[in-house]
Amino acid sequence: MDKSEPFKNVENRIFRIRGKRVMLDRDLAEFYEVKTYQLRQRVKKNITRFPKDSMFRLTRQELLRCQAGRPNESVRRSLPYAFTGQGFAMLSTVLNSKRAILVNIQIIRESTGLLR
């Protein structure tokens, strides 16, 4: 991923699930350049920063819909989390990295509707 453009090719990673535009934890981990388990761990340690309307866990059926465009997707041990725009922005504050700072700045600049 180009470090100067954190949101390059982001549109094909946004899904409409339960009437909300969301991104999955695995894709967000890639954007933030962390492992998915690290992202989840930071969320769990800071769970009060993530209200129920900012993230939710997918059902198996929802996951299958998201994997339709990814034929080589590896089998997951657990169901992924989906983050709304609010959850996506909050991740920037709980992940401690230079990349998270860059993404946070870009979120502020792009807040004209990217994930609303």
N, C-alpha and C. Protein backbone atom coordinates (compact mmCIF):
# COMPACT_ATOMS: atom_id res chain seq x y z
N MET A 1 0.85 -1.18 0.00
CA MET A 1 0.00 0.00 0.00
C MET A 1 0.89 1.23 0.00
N ASP A 2 0.54 2.21 -0.79
CA ASP A 2 1.28 3.46 -0.87
C ASP A 2 1.11 4.23 0.43
N LYS A 3 2.21 4.53 1.10
CA LYS A 3 2.15 5.19 2.40
C LYS A 3 1.58 6.59 2.31
N SER A 4 1.65 7.24 1.17
CA SER A 4 1.13 8.60 1.04
C SER A 4 -0.38 8.62 0.80
N GLU A 5 -0.95 7.50 0.44
CA GLU A 5 -2.38 7.44 0.18
C GLU A 5 -3.02 6.27 0.94
N PRO A 6 -3.30 6.47 2.21
CA PRO A 6 -3.86 5.36 2.99
C PRO A 6 -5.17 4.81 2.45
N PHE A 7 -5.94 5.61 1.72
CA PHE A 7 -7.25 5.15 1.28
C PHE A 7 -7.27 4.70 -0.19
N LYS A 8 -6.13 4.45 -0.75
CA LYS A 8 -6.07 3.98 -2.13
C LYS A 8 -6.80 2.63 -2.23
N ASN A 9 -7.70 2.50 -3.17
CA ASN A 9 -8.48 1.27 -3.40
C ASN A 9 -9.38 0.89 -2.23
N VAL A 10 -9.80 1.85 -1.45
CA VAL A 10 -10.63 1.55 -0.29
C VAL A 10 -12.06 1.20 -0.68
N GLU A 11 -12.56 1.76 -1.74
CA GLU A 11 -13.97 1.55 -2.10
C GLU A 11 -14.34 0.08 -2.28
N ASN A 12 -13.42 -0.73 -2.80
CA ASN A 12 -13.75 -2.15 -2.99
C ASN A 12 -13.63 -2.96 -1.70
N ARG A 13 -13.32 -2.30 -0.59
CA ARG A 13 -13.25 -2.97 0.71
C ARG A 13 -14.34 -2.48 1.65
N ILE A 14 -15.25 -1.71 1.12
CA ILE A 14 -16.39 -1.24 1.91
C ILE A 14 -17.60 -2.07 1.52
N PHE A 15 -18.27 -2.60 2.53
CA PHE A 15 -19.44 -3.45 2.31
C PHE A 15 -20.66 -2.79 2.95
N ARG A 16 -21.82 -3.06 2.39
CA ARG A 16 -23.06 -2.63 3.02
C ARG A 16 -23.64 -3.84 3.73
N ILE A 17 -23.61 -3.77 5.06
CA ILE A 17 -24.11 -4.86 5.90
C ILE A 17 -25.00 -4.25 6.97
N ARG A 18 -26.17 -4.85 7.14
CA ARG A 18 -27.15 -4.37 8.13
C ARG A 18 -27.47 -2.89 7.90
N GLY A 19 -27.46 -2.50 6.65
CA GLY A 19 -27.82 -1.13 6.30
C GLY A 19 -26.73 -0.11 6.56
N LYS A 20 -25.52 -0.57 6.90
CA LYS A 20 -24.42 0.34 7.20
C LYS A 20 -23.24 0.05 6.27
N ARG A 21 -22.49 1.09 5.97
CA ARG A 21 -21.25 0.92 5.21
C ARG A 21 -20.15 0.61 6.21
N VAL A 22 -19.49 -0.53 6.01
CA VAL A 22 -18.50 -1.00 6.98
C VAL A 22 -17.25 -1.52 6.28
N MET A 23 -16.20 -1.62 7.06
CA MET A 23 -14.97 -2.29 6.63
C MET A 23 -14.66 -3.38 7.64
N LEU A 24 -14.06 -4.46 7.16
CA LEU A 24 -13.76 -5.60 8.02
C LEU A 24 -12.41 -5.43 8.71
N ASP A 25 -12.29 -6.09 9.84
CA ASP A 25 -11.07 -5.98 10.64
C ASP A 25 -9.81 -6.34 9.85
N ARG A 26 -9.88 -7.36 9.01
CA ARG A 26 -8.69 -7.78 8.24
C ARG A 26 -8.23 -6.69 7.28
N ASP A 27 -9.18 -5.99 6.65
CA ASP A 27 -8.82 -4.92 5.73
C ASP A 27 -8.29 -3.71 6.48
N LEU A 28 -8.89 -3.40 7.60
CA LEU A 28 -8.41 -2.28 8.41
C LEU A 28 -7.02 -2.58 8.97
N ALA A 29 -6.79 -3.82 9.36
CA ALA A 29 -5.46 -4.18 9.84
C ALA A 29 -4.42 -3.96 8.75
N GLU A 30 -4.79 -4.28 7.53
CA GLU A 30 -3.87 -4.04 6.41
C GLU A 30 -3.61 -2.55 6.23
N PHE A 31 -4.65 -1.73 6.29
CA PHE A 31 -4.49 -0.28 6.16
C PHE A 31 -3.58 0.28 7.25
N TYR A 32 -3.76 -0.22 8.47
CA TYR A 32 -2.98 0.28 9.60
C TYR A 32 -1.63 -0.43 9.74
N GLU A 33 -1.38 -1.40 8.86
CA GLU A 33 -0.13 -2.15 8.85
C GLU A 33 0.15 -2.83 10.18
N VAL A 34 -0.88 -3.52 10.68
CA VAL A 34 -0.77 -4.35 11.87
C VAL A 34 -1.41 -5.70 11.56
N LYS A 35 -1.15 -6.67 12.38
CA LYS A 35 -1.81 -7.97 12.24
C LYS A 35 -3.25 -7.85 12.74
N THR A 36 -4.13 -8.66 12.16
CA THR A 36 -5.53 -8.61 12.56
C THR A 36 -5.69 -8.89 14.05
N TYR A 37 -4.95 -9.85 14.58
CA TYR A 37 -5.08 -10.15 16.01
C TYR A 37 -4.62 -8.97 16.86
N GLN A 38 -3.64 -8.20 16.38
CA GLN A 38 -3.19 -7.02 17.13
C GLN A 38 -4.28 -5.95 17.16
N LEU A 39 -4.92 -5.77 16.02
CA LEU A 39 -6.02 -4.80 15.95
C LEU A 39 -7.13 -5.20 16.92
N ARG A 40 -7.52 -6.46 16.89
CA ARG A 40 -8.57 -6.94 17.78
C ARG A 40 -8.18 -6.79 19.25
N GLN A 41 -6.93 -7.05 19.55
CA GLN A 41 -6.45 -6.93 20.93
C GLN A 41 -6.57 -5.49 21.41
N ARG A 42 -6.20 -4.53 20.58
CA ARG A 42 -6.29 -3.11 20.95
C ARG A 42 -7.75 -2.71 21.15
N VAL A 43 -8.63 -3.24 20.31
CA VAL A 43 -10.05 -2.94 20.46
C VAL A 43 -10.55 -3.49 21.80
N LYS A 44 -10.20 -4.73 22.11
CA LYS A 44 -10.65 -5.34 23.37
C LYS A 44 -10.15 -4.56 24.59
N LYS A 45 -8.92 -4.07 24.52
CA LYS A 45 -8.35 -3.31 25.63
C LYS A 45 -8.98 -1.93 25.76
N ASN A 46 -9.62 -1.46 24.70
CA ASN A 46 -10.22 -0.13 24.67
C ASN A 46 -11.69 -0.20 24.29
N ILE A 47 -12.36 -1.24 24.69
CA ILE A 47 -13.73 -1.52 24.23
C ILE A 47 -14.71 -0.38 24.55
N THR A 48 -14.48 0.37 25.60
CA THR A 48 -15.40 1.46 25.93
C THR A 48 -15.37 2.58 24.88
N ARG A 49 -14.35 2.61 24.06
CA ARG A 49 -14.25 3.61 22.98
C ARG A 49 -15.06 3.20 21.75
N PHE A 50 -15.59 1.99 21.75
CA PHE A 50 -16.29 1.46 20.59
C PHE A 50 -17.74 1.14 20.94
N PRO A 51 -18.63 2.13 20.83
CA PRO A 51 -20.04 1.85 21.09
C PRO A 51 -20.58 0.82 20.09
N LYS A 52 -21.70 0.23 20.43
CA LYS A 52 -22.27 -0.83 19.59
C LYS A 52 -22.56 -0.39 18.17
N ASP A 53 -22.79 0.90 17.95
CA ASP A 53 -23.06 1.36 16.59
C ASP A 53 -21.78 1.64 15.79
N SER A 54 -20.61 1.40 16.40
CA SER A 54 -19.36 1.63 15.69
C SER A 54 -18.72 0.34 15.19
N MET A 55 -19.15 -0.80 15.71
CA MET A 55 -18.63 -2.09 15.26
C MET A 55 -19.56 -3.22 15.67
N PHE A 56 -19.49 -4.31 14.94
CA PHE A 56 -20.27 -5.50 15.28
C PHE A 56 -19.59 -6.71 14.63
N ARG A 57 -19.92 -7.88 15.14
CA ARG A 57 -19.36 -9.12 14.60
C ARG A 57 -20.28 -9.66 13.52
N LEU A 58 -19.68 -10.10 12.42
CA LEU A 58 -20.47 -10.65 11.32
C LEU A 58 -21.02 -12.03 11.66
N THR A 59 -22.10 -12.38 11.00
CA THR A 59 -22.60 -13.75 11.05
C THR A 59 -21.88 -14.52 9.95
N ARG A 60 -21.97 -15.83 9.96
CA ARG A 60 -21.35 -16.65 8.90
C ARG A 60 -21.91 -16.27 7.53
N GLN A 61 -23.22 -16.05 7.45
CA GLN A 61 -23.85 -15.70 6.19
C GLN A 61 -23.32 -14.35 5.67
N GLU A 62 -23.18 -13.38 6.54
CA GLU A 62 -22.65 -12.09 6.15
C GLU A 62 -21.20 -12.22 5.68
N LEU A 63 -20.43 -13.06 6.36
CA LEU A 63 -19.05 -13.27 5.98
C LEU A 63 -18.96 -13.86 4.58
N LEU A 64 -19.80 -14.82 4.27
CA LEU A 64 -19.80 -15.42 2.93
C LEU A 64 -20.07 -14.39 1.85
N ARG A 65 -20.98 -13.47 2.11
CA ARG A 65 -21.25 -12.39 1.14
C ARG A 65 -20.02 -11.53 0.92
N CYS A 66 -19.27 -11.27 1.96
CA CYS A 66 -18.07 -10.43 1.86
C CYS A 66 -16.93 -11.17 1.17
N GLN A 67 -16.91 -12.48 1.25
CA GLN A 67 -15.83 -13.26 0.66
C GLN A 67 -16.07 -13.56 -0.81
N ALA A 68 -17.22 -13.20 -1.33
CA ALA A 68 -17.56 -13.54 -2.71
C ALA A 68 -16.50 -13.07 -3.70
N GLY A 69 -15.92 -11.92 -3.48
CA GLY A 69 -14.91 -11.39 -4.39
C GLY A 69 -13.50 -11.82 -4.05
N ARG A 70 -13.35 -12.71 -3.11
CA ARG A 70 -12.02 -13.14 -2.66
C ARG A 70 -11.92 -14.66 -2.72
N PRO A 71 -11.71 -15.20 -3.90
CA PRO A 71 -11.71 -16.66 -4.04
C PRO A 71 -10.61 -17.37 -3.26
N ASN A 72 -9.51 -16.71 -3.00
CA ASN A 72 -8.39 -17.35 -2.30
C ASN A 72 -8.34 -17.00 -0.82
N GLU A 73 -9.43 -16.51 -0.30
CA GLU A 73 -9.48 -16.12 1.11
C GLU A 73 -9.25 -17.34 1.99
N SER A 74 -8.36 -17.21 2.94
CA SER A 74 -8.09 -18.33 3.84
C SER A 74 -9.25 -18.52 4.81
N VAL A 75 -9.34 -19.72 5.33
CA VAL A 75 -10.40 -20.03 6.29
C VAL A 75 -10.10 -19.32 7.60
N ARG A 76 -11.09 -18.64 8.13
CA ARG A 76 -10.91 -17.89 9.38
C ARG A 76 -11.34 -18.75 10.55
N ARG A 77 -10.65 -18.60 11.66
CA ARG A 77 -11.01 -19.33 12.88
C ARG A 77 -12.20 -18.69 13.57
N SER A 78 -12.30 -17.38 13.48
CA SER A 78 -13.41 -16.69 14.13
C SER A 78 -14.02 -15.69 13.17
N LEU A 79 -15.22 -15.29 13.47
CA LEU A 79 -15.92 -14.34 12.61
C LEU A 79 -15.31 -12.95 12.75
N PRO A 80 -15.20 -12.23 11.65
CA PRO A 80 -14.57 -10.90 11.70
C PRO A 80 -15.49 -9.85 12.30
N TYR A 81 -14.88 -8.76 12.69
CA TYR A 81 -15.62 -7.59 13.13
C TYR A 81 -15.76 -6.64 11.95
N ALA A 82 -16.89 -5.97 11.90
CA ALA A 82 -17.13 -4.93 10.90
C ALA A 82 -17.16 -3.60 11.63
N PHE A 83 -16.48 -2.61 11.07
CA PHE A 83 -16.39 -1.29 11.69
C PHE A 83 -17.06 -0.25 10.80
N THR A 84 -17.91 0.55 11.40
CA THR A 84 -18.52 1.67 10.69
C THR A 84 -17.48 2.80 10.60
N GLY A 85 -17.82 3.89 9.98
CA GLY A 85 -16.91 5.02 9.88
C GLY A 85 -16.44 5.50 11.23
N GLN A 86 -17.34 5.52 12.21
CA GLN A 86 -16.97 5.94 13.55
C GLN A 86 -15.95 4.98 14.17
N GLY A 87 -16.15 3.69 14.00
CA GLY A 87 -15.22 2.70 14.52
C GLY A 87 -13.88 2.76 13.81
N PHE A 88 -13.94 2.97 12.51
CA PHE A 88 -12.72 3.10 11.71
C PHE A 88 -11.88 4.26 12.23
N ALA A 89 -12.51 5.40 12.47
CA ALA A 89 -11.80 6.57 12.98
C ALA A 89 -11.26 6.31 14.38
N MET A 90 -12.02 5.62 15.21
CA MET A 90 -11.58 5.35 16.57
C MET A 90 -10.35 4.44 16.60
N LEU A 91 -10.25 3.54 15.63
CA LEU A 91 -9.07 2.67 15.57
C LEU A 91 -7.78 3.48 15.49
N SER A 92 -7.85 4.61 14.80
CA SER A 92 -6.66 5.46 14.67
C SER A 92 -6.18 5.96 16.02
N THR A 93 -7.09 6.07 16.97
CA THR A 93 -6.70 6.59 18.28
C THR A 93 -6.20 5.50 19.22
N VAL A 94 -6.55 4.26 18.98
CA VAL A 94 -6.12 3.19 19.89
C VAL A 94 -4.90 2.42 19.38
N LEU A 95 -4.61 2.55 18.11
CA LEU A 95 -3.42 1.90 17.57
C LEU A 95 -2.25 2.86 17.70
N ASN A 96 -1.18 2.38 18.25
CA ASN A 96 -0.04 3.24 18.53
C ASN A 96 1.04 3.03 17.47
N SER A 97 0.92 3.76 16.35
CA SER A 97 1.92 3.64 15.30
C SER A 97 1.94 4.90 14.45
N LYS A 98 3.02 5.08 13.73
CA LYS A 98 3.11 6.22 12.81
C LYS A 98 2.05 6.10 11.72
N ARG A 99 1.81 4.88 11.29
CA ARG A 99 0.80 4.65 10.25
C ARG A 99 -0.59 5.08 10.75
N ALA A 100 -0.91 4.78 12.00
CA ALA A 100 -2.20 5.16 12.55
C ALA A 100 -2.36 6.68 12.55
N ILE A 101 -1.27 7.38 12.85
CA ILE A 101 -1.32 8.85 12.82
C ILE A 101 -1.60 9.33 11.40
N LEU A 102 -0.92 8.76 10.41
CA LEU A 102 -1.16 9.14 9.01
C LEU A 102 -2.60 8.86 8.59
N VAL A 103 -3.10 7.70 8.98
CA VAL A 103 -4.47 7.34 8.63
C VAL A 103 -5.44 8.29 9.32
N ASN A 104 -5.20 8.61 10.58
CA ASN A 104 -6.07 9.52 11.32
C ASN A 104 -6.12 10.89 10.62
N ILE A 105 -4.99 11.39 10.21
CA ILE A 105 -4.95 12.67 9.50
C ILE A 105 -5.76 12.57 8.20
N GLN A 106 -5.58 11.46 7.50
CA GLN A 106 -6.31 11.27 6.23
C GLN A 106 -7.82 11.15 6.48
N ILE A 107 -8.20 10.50 7.57
CA ILE A 107 -9.62 10.40 7.90
C ILE A 107 -10.22 11.79 8.07
N ILE A 108 -9.52 12.62 8.78
CA ILE A 108 -10.01 13.98 9.00
C ILE A 108 -10.14 14.71 7.67
N ARG A 109 -9.15 14.56 6.81
CA ARG A 109 -9.19 15.24 5.50
C ARG A 109 -10.28 14.69 4.59
N GLU A 110 -10.51 13.40 4.69
CA GLU A 110 -11.48 12.73 3.81
C GLU A 110 -12.88 12.62 4.43
N SER A 111 -13.11 13.28 5.52
CA SER A 111 -14.36 13.08 6.26
C SER A 111 -15.59 13.64 5.56
N THR A 112 -15.49 13.88 4.30
CA THR A 112 -16.62 14.42 3.54
C THR A 112 -17.58 13.33 3.10
N GLY A 113 -17.47 12.12 3.65
CA GLY A 113 -18.47 11.11 3.36
C GLY A 113 -17.91 9.77 2.96
N LEU A 114 -16.62 9.53 3.10
CA LEU A 114 -16.02 8.29 2.66
C LEU A 114 -16.71 7.06 3.27
N LEU A 115 -16.95 7.06 4.56
CA LEU A 115 -17.53 5.89 5.22
C LEU A 115 -18.85 6.18 5.93
N ARG A 116 -19.54 7.19 5.55
CA ARG A 116 -20.83 7.48 6.21
C ARG A 116 -21.91 6.62 5.68
